[in-house]
Amino acid sequence: MKHQEAEILKLLQAHPNEWVPVYEIAKIALQYNARILELRRQGYTILNKTLEIVDGQKHTAFMLVVEQPRQAFEEKGQMAWMK
């Protein structure tokens, strides 16, 4: 695993099942999409979504999905992406 991939994975693992804003990931690698693609190819489930659009600019985030009991997801209000 390359250094930037490892650093992005470490950041996402620090916030399992939570949305991490792309600006946090971009601090590690400007070509974060390529690094995340490599992590996905290694078997990690990483989701992305647009949080909001401000003046035509998308503000996005990524989430590392890890196994948790269904109740934990329901409590966090994150069931929508599982359906």
C-alpha atoms as a PDB file:
ATOM      1  CA  MET A   1       0.000   0.000   0.000  1.00  0.00           C
ATOM      2  CA  LYS A   2       1.316   3.410  -0.941  1.00  0.00           C
ATOM      3  CA  HIS A   3       1.896   6.092   1.672  1.00  0.00           C
ATOM      4  CA  GLN A   4      -1.015   8.334   0.658  1.00  0.00           C
ATOM      5  CA  GLU A   5      -3.403   5.382   0.489  1.00  0.00           C
ATOM      6  CA  ALA A   6      -2.335   4.306   3.967  1.00  0.00           C
ATOM      7  CA  GLU A   7      -2.832   7.825   5.337  1.00  0.00           C
ATOM      8  CA  ILE A   8      -6.303   8.144   3.791  1.00  0.00           C
ATOM      9  CA  LEU A   9      -7.250   4.723   5.133  1.00  0.00           C
ATOM     10  CA  LYS A  10      -6.012   5.708   8.594  1.00  0.00           C
ATOM     11  CA  LEU A  11      -8.147   8.878   8.477  1.00  0.00           C
ATOM     12  CA  LEU A  12     -11.251   6.979   7.363  1.00  0.00           C
ATOM     13  CA  GLN A  13     -10.667   4.252   9.964  1.00  0.00           C
ATOM     14  CA  ALA A  14     -10.524   6.936  12.655  1.00  0.00           C
ATOM     15  CA  HIS A  15     -14.132   7.801  11.669  1.00  0.00           C
ATOM     16  CA  PRO A  16     -15.771   4.460  10.782  1.00  0.00           C
ATOM     17  CA  ASN A  17     -19.252   4.716   9.291  1.00  0.00           C
ATOM     18  CA  GLU A  18     -19.051   8.519   9.412  1.00  0.00           C
ATOM     19  CA  TRP A  19     -18.797  11.020   6.575  1.00  0.00           C
ATOM     20  CA  VAL A  20     -15.325  12.582   6.291  1.00  0.00           C
ATOM     21  CA  PRO A  21     -15.312  15.863   4.321  1.00  0.00           C
ATOM     22  CA  VAL A  22     -13.230  15.762   1.161  1.00  0.00           C
ATOM     23  CA  TYR A  23     -11.181  18.784   2.260  1.00  0.00           C
ATOM     24  CA  GLU A  24      -9.774  16.635   5.091  1.00  0.00           C
ATOM     25  CA  ILE A  25      -8.809  13.909   2.617  1.00  0.00           C
ATOM     26  CA  ALA A  26      -7.371  16.450   0.154  1.00  0.00           C
ATOM     27  CA  LYS A  27      -4.881  17.505   2.851  1.00  0.00           C
ATOM     28  CA  ILE A  28      -3.312  14.074   2.358  1.00  0.00           C
ATOM     29  CA  ALA A  29      -3.559  13.733  -1.430  1.00  0.00           C
ATOM     30  CA  LEU A  30      -4.885  16.107  -4.065  1.00  0.00           C
ATOM     31  CA  GLN A  31      -5.575  13.119  -6.316  1.00  0.00           C
ATOM     32  CA  TYR A  32      -7.615  11.490  -3.562  1.00  0.00           C
ATOM     33  CA  ASN A  33     -10.027   9.843  -6.037  1.00  0.00           C
ATOM     34  CA  ALA A  34      -7.201   7.704  -7.423  1.00  0.00           C
ATOM     35  CA  ARG A  35      -6.087   6.718  -3.909  1.00  0.00           C
ATOM     36  CA  ILE A  36      -9.646   5.852  -2.884  1.00  0.00           C
ATOM     37  CA  LEU A  37     -10.105   3.809  -6.069  1.00  0.00           C
ATOM     38  CA  GLU A  38      -7.035   1.772  -5.111  1.00  0.00           C
ATOM     39  CA  LEU A  39      -8.434   1.221  -1.603  1.00  0.00           C
ATOM     40  CA  ARG A  40     -11.716   0.054  -3.125  1.00  0.00           C
ATOM     41  CA  ARG A  41      -9.805  -2.358  -5.367  1.00  0.00           C
ATOM     42  CA  GLN A  42      -8.181  -3.748  -2.221  1.00  0.00           C
ATOM     43  CA  GLY A  43     -11.636  -4.594  -0.910  1.00  0.00           C
ATOM     44  CA  TYR A  44     -12.535  -1.604   1.258  1.00  0.00           C
ATOM     45  CA  THR A  45     -16.113  -0.363   0.991  1.00  0.00           C
ATOM     46  CA  ILE A  46     -15.885   3.401   0.662  1.00  0.00           C
ATOM     47  CA  LEU A  47     -18.968   5.450  -0.146  1.00  0.00           C
ATOM     48  CA  ASN A  48     -19.137   9.045  -1.288  1.00  0.00           C
ATOM     49  CA  LYS A  49     -21.893  11.629  -1.417  1.00  0.00           C
ATOM     50  CA  THR A  50     -22.487  15.310  -2.007  1.00  0.00           C
ATOM     51  CA  LEU A  51     -23.170  17.025   1.310  1.00  0.00           C
ATOM     52  CA  GLU A  52     -24.248  20.353  -0.171  1.00  0.00           C
ATOM     53  CA  ILE A  53     -23.789  22.652  -3.149  1.00  0.00           C
ATOM     54  CA  VAL A  54     -22.603  26.177  -2.385  1.00  0.00           C
ATOM     55  CA  ASP A  55     -22.438  28.697  -5.226  1.00  0.00           C
ATOM     56  CA  GLY A  56     -22.352  25.828  -7.720  1.00  0.00           C
ATOM     57  CA  GLN A  57     -19.479  24.065  -5.928  1.00  0.00           C
ATOM     58  CA  LYS A  58     -20.100  20.551  -4.600  1.00  0.00           C
ATOM     59  CA  HIS A  59     -19.005  19.797  -1.050  1.00  0.00           C
ATOM     60  CA  THR A  60     -18.509  16.036  -0.844  1.00  0.00           C
ATOM     61  CA  ALA A  61     -17.518  13.454   1.740  1.00  0.00           C
ATOM     62  CA  PHE A  62     -16.374   9.835   1.924  1.00  0.00           C
ATOM     63  CA  MET A  63     -17.229   7.070   4.378  1.00  0.00           C
ATOM     64  CA  LEU A  64     -15.456   3.805   5.178  1.00  0.00           C
ATOM     65  CA  VAL A  65     -18.154   1.205   5.815  1.00  0.00           C
ATOM     66  CA  VAL A  66     -17.366  -1.289   8.554  1.00  0.00           C
ATOM     67  CA  GLU A  67     -19.602  -3.996   9.952  1.00  0.00           C
ATOM     68  CA  GLN A  68     -21.699  -2.846  12.898  1.00  0.00           C
ATOM     69  CA  PRO A  69     -24.958  -4.006  14.398  1.00  0.00           C
ATOM     70  CA  ARG A  70     -27.979  -2.597  12.554  1.00  0.00           C
ATOM     71  CA  GLN A  71     -29.046  -0.701  15.682  1.00  0.00           C
ATOM     72  CA  ALA A  72     -25.849   1.394  15.616  1.00  0.00           C
ATOM     73  CA  PHE A  73     -26.623   2.556  12.069  1.00  0.00           C
ATOM     74  CA  GLU A  74     -30.216   3.369  12.959  1.00  0.00           C
ATOM     75  CA  GLU A  75     -29.086   5.456  15.931  1.00  0.00           C
ATOM     76  CA  LYS A  76     -26.759   7.478  13.693  1.00  0.00           C
ATOM     77  CA  GLY A  77     -29.516   7.985  11.117  1.00  0.00           C
ATOM     78  CA  GLN A  78     -27.430   6.388   8.373  1.00  0.00           C
ATOM     79  CA  MET A  79     -29.851   3.710   7.205  1.00  0.00           C
ATOM     80  CA  ALA A  80     -30.762   5.568   3.995  1.00  0.00           C
ATOM     81  CA  TRP A  81     -27.582   4.518   2.167  1.00  0.00           C
ATOM     82  CA  MET A  82     -28.031   0.887   3.212  1.00  0.00           C
ATOM     83  CA  LYS A  83     -31.443   0.524   1.499  1.00  0.00           C
END
